[in-house]
């Protein structure tokens, strides 16, 4: 009824054994966010972030996005709306958040 193609949503959440993970790379010159899914399936789920106390939705076309260098994100999915692996926010320098 939404008129939107949501095949990616159903493929990841209903037809795969593992939940998606959100990888966040702060080490690169430009911070990046990327969804890690079973079988490298497409997963363009937007992610809400908190920047300077304000919530903003980040569109994840093709399941990844480069963030502006000057942006400091305080939290990811602050209200816990996204069903993802508990330890899924992975900072690619090796730390888990």
PDB file of N, CA and C in Angstrom:
ATOM      1  N   UNK A   1       0.796  -1.198   0.000  1.00  0.00           N
ATOM      2  CA  UNK A   1       0.000   0.000   0.000  1.00  0.00           C
ATOM      3  C   UNK A   1       0.839   1.263   0.000  1.00  0.00           C
ATOM      4  N   UNK A   2       2.092   1.174   0.442  1.00  0.00           N
ATOM      5  CA  UNK A   2       2.929   2.374   0.515  1.00  0.00           C
ATOM      6  C   UNK A   2       3.350   2.859  -0.864  1.00  0.00           C
ATOM      7  N   UNK A   3       3.337   1.968  -1.852  1.00  0.00           N
ATOM      8  CA  UNK A   3       3.792   2.333  -3.182  1.00  0.00           C
ATOM      9  C   UNK A   3       5.306   2.323  -3.309  1.00  0.00           C
ATOM     10  N   UNK A   4       5.995   1.929  -2.235  1.00  0.00           N
ATOM     11  CA  UNK A   4       7.456   1.884  -2.239  1.00  0.00           C
ATOM     12  C   UNK A   4       7.919   0.446  -2.409  1.00  0.00           C
ATOM     13  N   UNK A   5       9.082   0.274  -3.031  1.00  0.00           N
ATOM     14  CA  UNK A   5       9.668  -1.050  -3.166  1.00  0.00           C
ATOM     15  C   UNK A   5      10.387  -1.392  -1.864  1.00  0.00           C
ATOM     16  N   UNK A   6       9.840  -2.322  -1.105  1.00  0.00           N
ATOM     17  CA  UNK A   6      10.408  -2.707   0.190  1.00  0.00           C
ATOM     18  C   UNK A   6      10.958  -4.135   0.173  1.00  0.00           C
ATOM     19  N   UNK A   7      11.253  -4.658  -1.013  1.00  0.00           N
ATOM     20  CA  UNK A   7      11.805  -6.018  -1.104  1.00  0.00           C
ATOM     21  C   UNK A   7      13.059  -6.172  -0.252  1.00  0.00           C
ATOM     22  N   UNK A   8      13.938  -5.168  -0.239  1.00  0.00           N
ATOM     23  CA  UNK A   8      15.175  -5.218   0.538  1.00  0.00           C
ATOM     24  C   UNK A   8      14.884  -5.423   2.019  1.00  0.00           C
ATOM     25  N   UNK A   9      13.834  -4.774   2.531  1.00  0.00           N
ATOM     26  CA  UNK A   9      13.454  -4.876   3.935  1.00  0.00           C
ATOM     27  C   UNK A   9      13.054  -6.308   4.284  1.00  0.00           C
ATOM     28  N   UNK A  10      12.161  -6.880   3.476  1.00  0.00           N
ATOM     29  CA  UNK A  10      11.680  -8.234   3.743  1.00  0.00           C
ATOM     30  C   UNK A  10      12.769  -9.275   3.535  1.00  0.00           C
ATOM     31  N   UNK A  11      13.635  -9.057   2.555  1.00  0.00           N
ATOM     32  CA  UNK A  11      14.731 -10.001   2.295  1.00  0.00           C
ATOM     33  C   UNK A  11      15.673 -10.088   3.497  1.00  0.00           C
ATOM     34  N   UNK A  12      16.021  -8.960   4.081  1.00  0.00           N
ATOM     35  CA  UNK A  12      16.958  -8.955   5.209  1.00  0.00           C
ATOM     36  C   UNK A  12      16.289  -9.408   6.501  1.00  0.00           C
ATOM     37  N   UNK A  13      15.106  -8.912   6.803  1.00  0.00           N
ATOM     38  CA  UNK A  13      14.480  -9.218   8.084  1.00  0.00           C
ATOM     39  C   UNK A  13      13.720 -10.542   8.148  1.00  0.00           C
ATOM     40  N   UNK A  14      13.203 -11.020   7.031  1.00  0.00           N
ATOM     41  CA  UNK A  14      12.383 -12.230   7.078  1.00  0.00           C
ATOM     42  C   UNK A  14      13.004 -13.446   6.415  1.00  0.00           C
ATOM     43  N   UNK A  15      13.992 -13.257   5.559  1.00  0.00           N
ATOM     44  CA  UNK A  15      14.545 -14.393   4.822  1.00  0.00           C
ATOM     45  C   UNK A  15      16.009 -14.667   5.138  1.00  0.00           C
ATOM     46  N   UNK A  16      16.561 -14.000   6.149  1.00  0.00           N
ATOM     47  CA  UNK A  16      17.963 -14.194   6.508  1.00  0.00           C
ATOM     48  C   UNK A  16      18.069 -14.578   7.982  1.00  0.00           C
ATOM     49  N   UNK A  17      19.060 -15.381   8.332  1.00  0.00           N
ATOM     50  CA  UNK A  17      19.185 -15.819   9.716  1.00  0.00           C
ATOM     51  C   UNK A  17      19.813 -14.789  10.654  1.00  0.00           C
ATOM     52  N   UNK A  18      20.535 -13.801  10.109  1.00  0.00           N
ATOM     53  CA  UNK A  18      21.240 -12.836  10.951  1.00  0.00           C
ATOM     54  C   UNK A  18      20.681 -11.431  10.754  1.00  0.00           C
ATOM     55  N   UNK A  19      20.774 -10.648  11.821  1.00  0.00           N
ATOM     56  CA  UNK A  19      20.361  -9.250  11.741  1.00  0.00           C
ATOM     57  C   UNK A  19      21.464  -8.409  11.100  1.00  0.00           C
ATOM     58  N   UNK A  20      21.104  -7.293  10.495  1.00  0.00           N
ATOM     59  CA  UNK A  20      22.114  -6.414   9.902  1.00  0.00           C
ATOM     60  C   UNK A  20      22.969  -5.756  10.987  1.00  0.00           C
ATOM     61  N   UNK A  21      24.175  -5.332  10.592  1.00  0.00           N
ATOM     62  CA  UNK A  21      25.085  -4.604  11.483  1.00  0.00           C
ATOM     63  C   UNK A  21      25.418  -3.267  10.844  1.00  0.00           C
ATOM     64  N   UNK A  22      25.572  -2.246  11.671  1.00  0.00           N
ATOM     65  CA  UNK A  22      25.944  -0.926  11.179  1.00  0.00           C
ATOM     66  C   UNK A  22      27.422  -0.703  11.466  1.00  0.00           C
ATOM     67  N   UNK A  23      28.217  -0.586  10.410  1.00  0.00           N
ATOM     68  CA  UNK A  23      29.647  -0.313  10.554  1.00  0.00           C
ATOM     69  C   UNK A  23      29.875   1.184  10.391  1.00  0.00           C
ATOM     70  N   UNK A  24      30.654   1.746  11.308  1.00  0.00           N
ATOM     71  CA  UNK A  24      30.946   3.164  11.272  1.00  0.00           C
ATOM     72  C   UNK A  24      32.454   3.333  11.284  1.00  0.00           C
ATOM     73  N   UNK A  25      32.977   4.013  10.292  1.00  0.00           N
ATOM     74  CA  UNK A  25      34.413   4.207  10.142  1.00  0.00           C
ATOM     75  C   UNK A  25      34.744   5.663  10.447  1.00  0.00           C
ATOM     76  N   UNK A  26      35.399   5.899  11.592  1.00  0.00           N
ATOM     77  CA  UNK A  26      35.821   7.249  11.962  1.00  0.00           C
ATOM     78  C   UNK A  26      37.303   7.470  11.660  1.00  0.00           C
ATOM     79  N   UNK A  27      37.977   6.434  11.195  1.00  0.00           N
ATOM     80  CA  UNK A  27      39.414   6.501  10.980  1.00  0.00           C
ATOM     81  C   UNK A  27      39.756   7.170   9.656  1.00  0.00           C
ATOM     82  N   UNK A  28      38.936   6.960   8.646  1.00  0.00           N
ATOM     83  CA  UNK A  28      39.184   7.543   7.321  1.00  0.00           C
ATOM     84  C   UNK A  28      39.118   9.067   7.373  1.00  0.00           C
ATOM     85  N   UNK A  29      39.595   9.684   6.305  1.00  0.00           N
ATOM     86  CA  UNK A  29      39.534  11.147   6.235  1.00  0.00           C
ATOM     87  C   UNK A  29      38.096  11.640   6.307  1.00  0.00           C
ATOM     88  N   UNK A  30      37.174  10.890   5.707  1.00  0.00           N
ATOM     89  CA  UNK A  30      35.751  11.223   5.801  1.00  0.00           C
ATOM     90  C   UNK A  30      35.046  10.085   6.507  1.00  0.00           C
ATOM     91  N   UNK A  31      34.344  10.365   7.605  1.00  0.00           N
ATOM     92  CA  UNK A  31      33.611   9.293   8.298  1.00  0.00           C
ATOM     93  C   UNK A  31      32.613   8.628   7.355  1.00  0.00           C
ATOM     94  N   UNK A  32      32.405   7.317   7.549  1.00  0.00           N
ATOM     95  CA  UNK A  32      31.496   6.550   6.696  1.00  0.00           C
ATOM     96  C   UNK A  32      30.607   5.659   7.550  1.00  0.00           C
ATOM     97  N   UNK A  33      29.381   5.422   7.073  1.00  0.00           N
ATOM     98  CA  UNK A  33      28.496   4.433   7.683  1.00  0.00           C
ATOM     99  C   UNK A  33      28.119   3.448   6.595  1.00  0.00           C
ATOM    100  N   UNK A  34      28.040   2.169   6.977  1.00  0.00           N
ATOM    101  CA  UNK A  34      27.716   1.135   6.001  1.00  0.00           C
ATOM    102  C   UNK A  34      26.981   0.001   6.702  1.00  0.00           C
ATOM    103  N   UNK A  35      25.938  -0.520   6.047  1.00  0.00           N
ATOM    104  CA  UNK A  35      25.232  -1.687   6.558  1.00  0.00           C
ATOM    105  C   UNK A  35      25.960  -2.952   6.135  1.00  0.00           C
ATOM    106  N   UNK A  36      26.138  -3.867   7.064  1.00  0.00           N
ATOM    107  CA  UNK A  36      26.701  -5.187   6.787  1.00  0.00           C
ATOM    108  C   UNK A  36      25.551  -6.180   6.939  1.00  0.00           C
ATOM    109  N   UNK A  37      25.255  -6.898   5.856  1.00  0.00           N
ATOM    110  CA  UNK A  37      24.128  -7.833   5.854  1.00  0.00           C
ATOM    111  C   UNK A  37      24.584  -9.215   5.396  1.00  0.00           C
ATOM    112  N   UNK A  38      23.816 -10.256   5.739  1.00  0.00           N
ATOM    113  CA  UNK A  38      24.147 -11.595   5.241  1.00  0.00           C
ATOM    114  C   UNK A  38      24.151 -11.595   3.715  1.00  0.00           C
ATOM    115  N   UNK A  39      25.163 -12.189   3.127  1.00  0.00           N
ATOM    116  CA  UNK A  39      25.236 -12.271   1.670  1.00  0.00           C
ATOM    117  C   UNK A  39      25.419 -10.930   0.985  1.00  0.00           C
ATOM    118  N   UNK A  40      25.797  -9.904   1.745  1.00  0.00           N
ATOM    119  CA  UNK A  40      25.995  -8.554   1.201  1.00  0.00           C
ATOM    120  C   UNK A  40      24.759  -8.038   0.466  1.00  0.00           C
ATOM    121  N   UNK A  41      23.586  -8.329   1.029  1.00  0.00           N
ATOM    122  CA  UNK A  41      22.327  -7.875   0.435  1.00  0.00           C
ATOM    123  C   UNK A  41      22.195  -6.360   0.523  1.00  0.00           C
ATOM    124  N   UNK A  42      21.507  -5.806  -0.426  1.00  0.00           N
ATOM    125  CA  UNK A  42      21.227  -4.374  -0.403  1.00  0.00           C
ATOM    126  C   UNK A  42      20.335  -4.071   0.800  1.00  0.00           C
ATOM    127  N   UNK A  43      20.664  -3.014   1.537  1.00  0.00           N
ATOM    128  CA  UNK A  43      19.888  -2.650   2.724  1.00  0.00           C
ATOM    129  C   UNK A  43      19.960  -1.129   2.920  1.00  0.00           C
ATOM    130  N   UNK A  44      19.128  -0.371   2.202  1.00  0.00           N
ATOM    131  CA  UNK A  44      19.175   1.092   2.278  1.00  0.00           C
ATOM    132  C   UNK A  44      18.397   1.689   3.451  1.00  0.00           C
ATOM    133  N   UNK A  45      18.386   1.014   4.602  1.00  0.00           N
ATOM    134  CA  UNK A  45      17.658   1.502   5.774  1.00  0.00           C
ATOM    135  C   UNK A  45      18.270   2.818   6.253  1.00  0.00           C
ATOM    136  N   UNK A  46      17.470   3.894   6.326  1.00  0.00           N
ATOM    137  CA  UNK A  46      17.998   5.153   6.854  1.00  0.00           C
ATOM    138  C   UNK A  46      18.319   5.015   8.342  1.00  0.00           C
ATOM    139  N   UNK A  47      19.242   5.814   8.821  1.00  0.00           N
ATOM    140  CA  UNK A  47      19.660   5.769  10.220  1.00  0.00           C
ATOM    141  C   UNK A  47      19.471   7.142  10.839  1.00  0.00           C
ATOM    142  N   UNK A  48      18.800   7.182  11.984  1.00  0.00           N
ATOM    143  CA  UNK A  48      18.655   8.434  12.698  1.00  0.00           C
ATOM    144  C   UNK A  48      19.896   8.627  13.572  1.00  0.00           C
ATOM    145  N   UNK A  49      20.435   9.832  13.568  1.00  0.00           N
ATOM    146  CA  UNK A  49      21.604  10.157  14.383  1.00  0.00           C
ATOM    147  C   UNK A  49      21.307  11.421  15.187  1.00  0.00           C
ATOM    148  N   UNK A  50      22.102  11.633  16.221  1.00  0.00           N
ATOM    149  CA  UNK A  50      21.964  12.847  17.005  1.00  0.00           C
ATOM    150  C   UNK A  50      23.235  13.680  16.834  1.00  0.00           C
ATOM    151  N   UNK A  51      23.054  14.905  16.371  1.00  0.00           N
ATOM    152  CA  UNK A  51      24.160  15.836  16.140  1.00  0.00           C
ATOM    153  C   UNK A  51      23.847  17.124  16.897  1.00  0.00           C
ATOM    154  N   UNK A  52      24.694  17.484  17.840  1.00  0.00           N
ATOM    155  CA  UNK A  52      24.492  18.694  18.659  1.00  0.00           C
ATOM    156  C   UNK A  52      23.103  18.729  19.290  1.00  0.00           C
ATOM    157  N   UNK A  53      22.639  17.592  19.789  1.00  0.00           N
ATOM    158  CA  UNK A  53      21.345  17.520  20.459  1.00  0.00           C
ATOM    159  C   UNK A  53      20.144  17.489  19.538  1.00  0.00           C
ATOM    160  N   UNK A  54      20.375  17.475  18.227  1.00  0.00           N
ATOM    161  CA  UNK A  54      19.286  17.449  17.254  1.00  0.00           C
ATOM    162  C   UNK A  54      19.297  16.133  16.500  1.00  0.00           C
ATOM    163  N   UNK A  55      18.137  15.514  16.370  1.00  0.00           N
ATOM    164  CA  UNK A  55      18.032  14.256  15.632  1.00  0.00           C
ATOM    165  C   UNK A  55      17.902  14.542  14.139  1.00  0.00           C
ATOM    166  N   UNK A  56      18.620  13.734  13.360  1.00  0.00           N
ATOM    167  CA  UNK A  56      18.596  13.889  11.900  1.00  0.00           C
ATOM    168  C   UNK A  56      18.606  12.502  11.274  1.00  0.00           C
ATOM    169  N   UNK A  57      17.823  12.315  10.220  1.00  0.00           N
ATOM    170  CA  UNK A  57      17.784  11.047   9.498  1.00  0.00           C
ATOM    171  C   UNK A  57      18.808  11.072   8.375  1.00  0.00           C
ATOM    172  N   UNK A  58      19.697  10.062   8.375  1.00  0.00           N
ATOM    173  CA  UNK A  58      20.710   9.925   7.336  1.00  0.00           C
ATOM    174  C   UNK A  58      20.221   8.894   6.322  1.00  0.00           C
ATOM    175  N   UNK A  59      20.087   9.304   5.085  1.00  0.00           N
ATOM    176  CA  UNK A  59      19.654   8.409   4.014  1.00  0.00           C
ATOM    177  C   UNK A  59      20.839   7.548   3.607  1.00  0.00           C
ATOM    178  N   UNK A  60      20.625   6.240   3.533  1.00  0.00           N
ATOM    179  CA  UNK A  60      21.695   5.283   3.242  1.00  0.00           C
ATOM    180  C   UNK A  60      21.469   4.646   1.874  1.00  0.00           C
ATOM    181  N   UNK A  61      21.587   5.429   0.811  1.00  0.00           N
ATOM    182  CA  UNK A  61      21.418   4.873  -0.532  1.00  0.00           C
ATOM    183  C   UNK A  61      22.453   3.780  -0.738  1.00  0.00           C
ATOM    184  N   UNK A  62      22.040   2.671  -1.275  1.00  0.00           N
ATOM    185  CA  UNK A  62      22.911   1.513  -1.504  1.00  0.00           C
ATOM    186  C   UNK A  62      23.509   0.999  -0.196  1.00  0.00           C
ATOM    187  N   UNK A  63      22.912   1.351   0.940  1.00  0.00           N
ATOM    188  CA  UNK A  63      23.357   0.812   2.220  1.00  0.00           C
ATOM    189  C   UNK A  63      24.607   1.430   2.791  1.00  0.00           C
ATOM    190  N   UNK A  64      25.049   2.578   2.245  1.00  0.00           N
ATOM    191  CA  UNK A  64      26.243   3.230   2.776  1.00  0.00           C
ATOM    192  C   UNK A  64      26.173   4.720   2.518  1.00  0.00           C
ATOM    193  N   UNK A  65      26.982   5.475   3.272  1.00  0.00           N
ATOM    194  CA  UNK A  65      27.022   6.925   3.110  1.00  0.00           C
ATOM    195  C   UNK A  65      28.345   7.456   3.661  1.00  0.00           C
ATOM    196  N   UNK A  66      28.891   8.470   2.994  1.00  0.00           N
ATOM    197  CA  UNK A  66      30.043   9.207   3.504  1.00  0.00           C
ATOM    198  C   UNK A  66      29.493  10.418   4.241  1.00  0.00           C
ATOM    199  N   UNK A  67      30.016  10.676   5.414  1.00  0.00           N
ATOM    200  CA  UNK A  67      29.550  11.803   6.217  1.00  0.00           C
ATOM    201  C   UNK A  67      30.500  12.989   6.062  1.00  0.00           C
ATOM    202  N   UNK A  68      29.988  14.214   6.223  1.00  0.00           N
ATOM    203  CA  UNK A  68      30.881  15.370   6.180  1.00  0.00           C
ATOM    204  C   UNK A  68      31.928  15.276   7.284  1.00  0.00           C
ATOM    205  N   UNK A  69      33.146  15.651   6.979  1.00  0.00           N
ATOM    206  CA  UNK A  69      34.266  15.535   7.912  1.00  0.00           C
ATOM    207  C   UNK A  69      34.019  16.307   9.211  1.00  0.00           C
ATOM    208  N   UNK A  70      33.375  17.450   9.115  1.00  0.00           N
ATOM    209  CA  UNK A  70      33.186  18.309  10.283  1.00  0.00           C
ATOM    210  C   UNK A  70      32.044  17.860  11.203  1.00  0.00           C
ATOM    211  N   UNK A  71      31.284  16.845  10.818  1.00  0.00           N
ATOM    212  CA  UNK A  71      30.150  16.383  11.618  1.00  0.00           C
ATOM    213  C   UNK A  71      30.627  15.501  12.767  1.00  0.00           C
ATOM    214  N   UNK A  72      30.149  15.799  13.975  1.00  0.00           N
ATOM    215  CA  UNK A  72      30.409  14.957  15.134  1.00  0.00           C
ATOM    216  C   UNK A  72      29.074  14.364  15.566  1.00  0.00           C
ATOM    217  N   UNK A  73      28.939  13.068  15.387  1.00  0.00           N
ATOM    218  CA  UNK A  73      27.689  12.393  15.726  1.00  0.00           C
ATOM    219  C   UNK A  73      27.764  11.908  17.168  1.00  0.00           C
ATOM    220  N   UNK A  74      26.785  12.297  17.967  1.00  0.00           N
ATOM    221  CA  UNK A  74      26.763  11.951  19.381  1.00  0.00           C
ATOM    222  C   UNK A  74      26.197  10.552  19.620  1.00  0.00           C
ATOM    223  N   UNK A  75      25.189  10.160  18.837  1.00  0.00           N
ATOM    224  CA  UNK A  75      24.626   8.814  18.978  1.00  0.00           C
ATOM    225  C   UNK A  75      23.971   8.378  17.673  1.00  0.00           C
ATOM    226  N   UNK A  76      23.874   7.065  17.515  1.00  0.00           N
ATOM    227  CA  UNK A  76      23.281   6.442  16.333  1.00  0.00           C
ATOM    228  C   UNK A  76      22.035   5.701  16.773  1.00  0.00           C
ATOM    229  N   UNK A  77      20.936   5.860  16.028  1.00  0.00           N
ATOM    230  CA  UNK A  77      19.661   5.237  16.374  1.00  0.00           C
ATOM    231  C   UNK A  77      19.343   5.485  17.854  1.00  0.00           C
ATOM    232  N   UNK A  78      19.286   6.759  18.277  1.00  0.00           N
ATOM    233  CA  UNK A  78      19.137   7.079  19.699  1.00  0.00           C
ATOM    234  C   UNK A  78      17.871   6.534  20.352  1.00  0.00           C
ATOM    235  N   UNK A  79      16.817   6.322  19.588  1.00  0.00           N
ATOM    236  CA  UNK A  79      15.574   5.809  20.162  1.00  0.00           C
ATOM    237  C   UNK A  79      15.435   4.304  20.006  1.00  0.00           C
ATOM    238  N   UNK A  80      16.442   3.657  19.403  1.00  0.00           N
ATOM    239  CA  UNK A  80      16.418   2.205  19.266  1.00  0.00           C
ATOM    240  C   UNK A  80      15.333   1.684  18.334  1.00  0.00           C
ATOM    241  N   UNK A  81      15.058   2.391  17.253  1.00  0.00           N
ATOM    242  CA  UNK A  81      14.006   1.993  16.325  1.00  0.00           C
ATOM    243  C   UNK A  81      14.428   0.883  15.365  1.00  0.00           C
ATOM    244  N   UNK A  82      15.727   0.757  15.095  1.00  0.00           N
ATOM    245  CA  UNK A  82      16.179  -0.198  14.085  1.00  0.00           C
ATOM    246  C   UNK A  82      16.520  -1.543  14.726  1.00  0.00           C
ATOM    247  N   UNK A  83      15.946  -2.585  14.157  1.00  0.00           N
ATOM    248  CA  UNK A  83      16.262  -3.941  14.600  1.00  0.00           C
ATOM    249  C   UNK A  83      17.588  -4.333  13.963  1.00  0.00           C
ATOM    250  N   UNK A  84      18.623  -4.411  14.811  1.00  0.00           N
ATOM    251  CA  UNK A  84      19.943  -4.782  14.325  1.00  0.00           C
ATOM    252  C   UNK A  84      20.673  -5.529  15.433  1.00  0.00           C
ATOM    253  N   UNK A  85      21.729  -6.193  15.061  1.00  0.00           N
ATOM    254  CA  UNK A  85      22.523  -6.944  16.025  1.00  0.00           C
ATOM    255  C   UNK A  85      22.929  -6.019  17.163  1.00  0.00           C
ATOM    256  N   UNK A  86      22.797  -6.482  18.402  1.00  0.00           N
ATOM    257  CA  UNK A  86      23.050  -5.657  19.582  1.00  0.00           C
ATOM    258  C   UNK A  86      24.386  -4.925  19.532  1.00  0.00           C
ATOM    259  N   UNK A  87      25.435  -5.640  19.198  1.00  0.00           N
ATOM    260  CA  UNK A  87      26.762  -5.022  19.163  1.00  0.00           C
ATOM    261  C   UNK A  87      27.075  -4.507  17.770  1.00  0.00           C
ATOM    262  N   UNK A  88      26.031  -4.049  17.072  1.00  0.00           N
ATOM    263  CA  UNK A  88      26.208  -3.781  15.658  1.00  0.00           C
ATOM    264  C   UNK A  88      26.931  -2.495  15.324  1.00  0.00           C
ATOM    265  N   UNK A  89      26.973  -1.526  16.215  1.00  0.00           N
ATOM    266  CA  UNK A  89      27.680  -0.309  15.865  1.00  0.00           C
ATOM    267  C   UNK A  89      29.161  -0.558  16.108  1.00  0.00           C
ATOM    268  N   UNK A  90      29.875  -0.746  15.010  1.00  0.00           N
ATOM    269  CA  UNK A  90      31.279  -1.117  15.059  1.00  0.00           C
ATOM    270  C   UNK A  90      32.120   0.012  14.500  1.00  0.00           C
ATOM    271  N   UNK A  91      33.006   0.544  15.336  1.00  0.00           N
ATOM    272  CA  UNK A  91      33.932   1.562  14.854  1.00  0.00           C
ATOM    273  C   UNK A  91      35.084   0.798  14.229  1.00  0.00           C
ATOM    274  N   UNK A  92      35.383   1.049  12.973  1.00  0.00           N
ATOM    275  CA  UNK A  92      36.324   0.240  12.236  1.00  0.00           C
ATOM    276  C   UNK A  92      37.766   0.341  12.710  1.00  0.00           C
ATOM    277  N   UNK A  93      38.029   1.163  13.732  1.00  0.00           N
ATOM    278  CA  UNK A  93      39.370   1.162  14.305  1.00  0.00           C
ATOM    279  C   UNK A  93      39.497   0.038  15.325  1.00  0.00           C
ATOM    280  N   UNK A  94      38.441  -0.792  15.438  1.00  0.00           N
ATOM    281  CA  UNK A  94      38.487  -1.966  16.302  1.00  0.00           C
ATOM    282  C   UNK A  94      37.583  -1.867  17.531  1.00  0.00           C
ATOM    283  N   UNK A  95      37.139  -0.682  17.883  1.00  0.00           N
ATOM    284  CA  UNK A  95      36.307  -0.524  19.070  1.00  0.00           C
ATOM    285  C   UNK A  95      34.843  -0.808  18.738  1.00  0.00           C
ATOM    286  N   UNK A  96      34.149  -1.430  19.667  1.00  0.00           N
ATOM    287  CA  UNK A  96      32.702  -1.668  19.527  1.00  0.00           C
ATOM    288  C   UNK A  96      31.978  -0.723  20.451  1.00  0.00           C
ATOM    289  N   UNK A  97      30.841  -0.205  19.993  1.00  0.00           N
ATOM    290  CA  UNK A  97      30.050   0.734  20.820  1.00  0.00           C
ATOM    291  C   UNK A  97      28.668   0.186  21.033  1.00  0.00           C
TER     292      UNK A  97
END
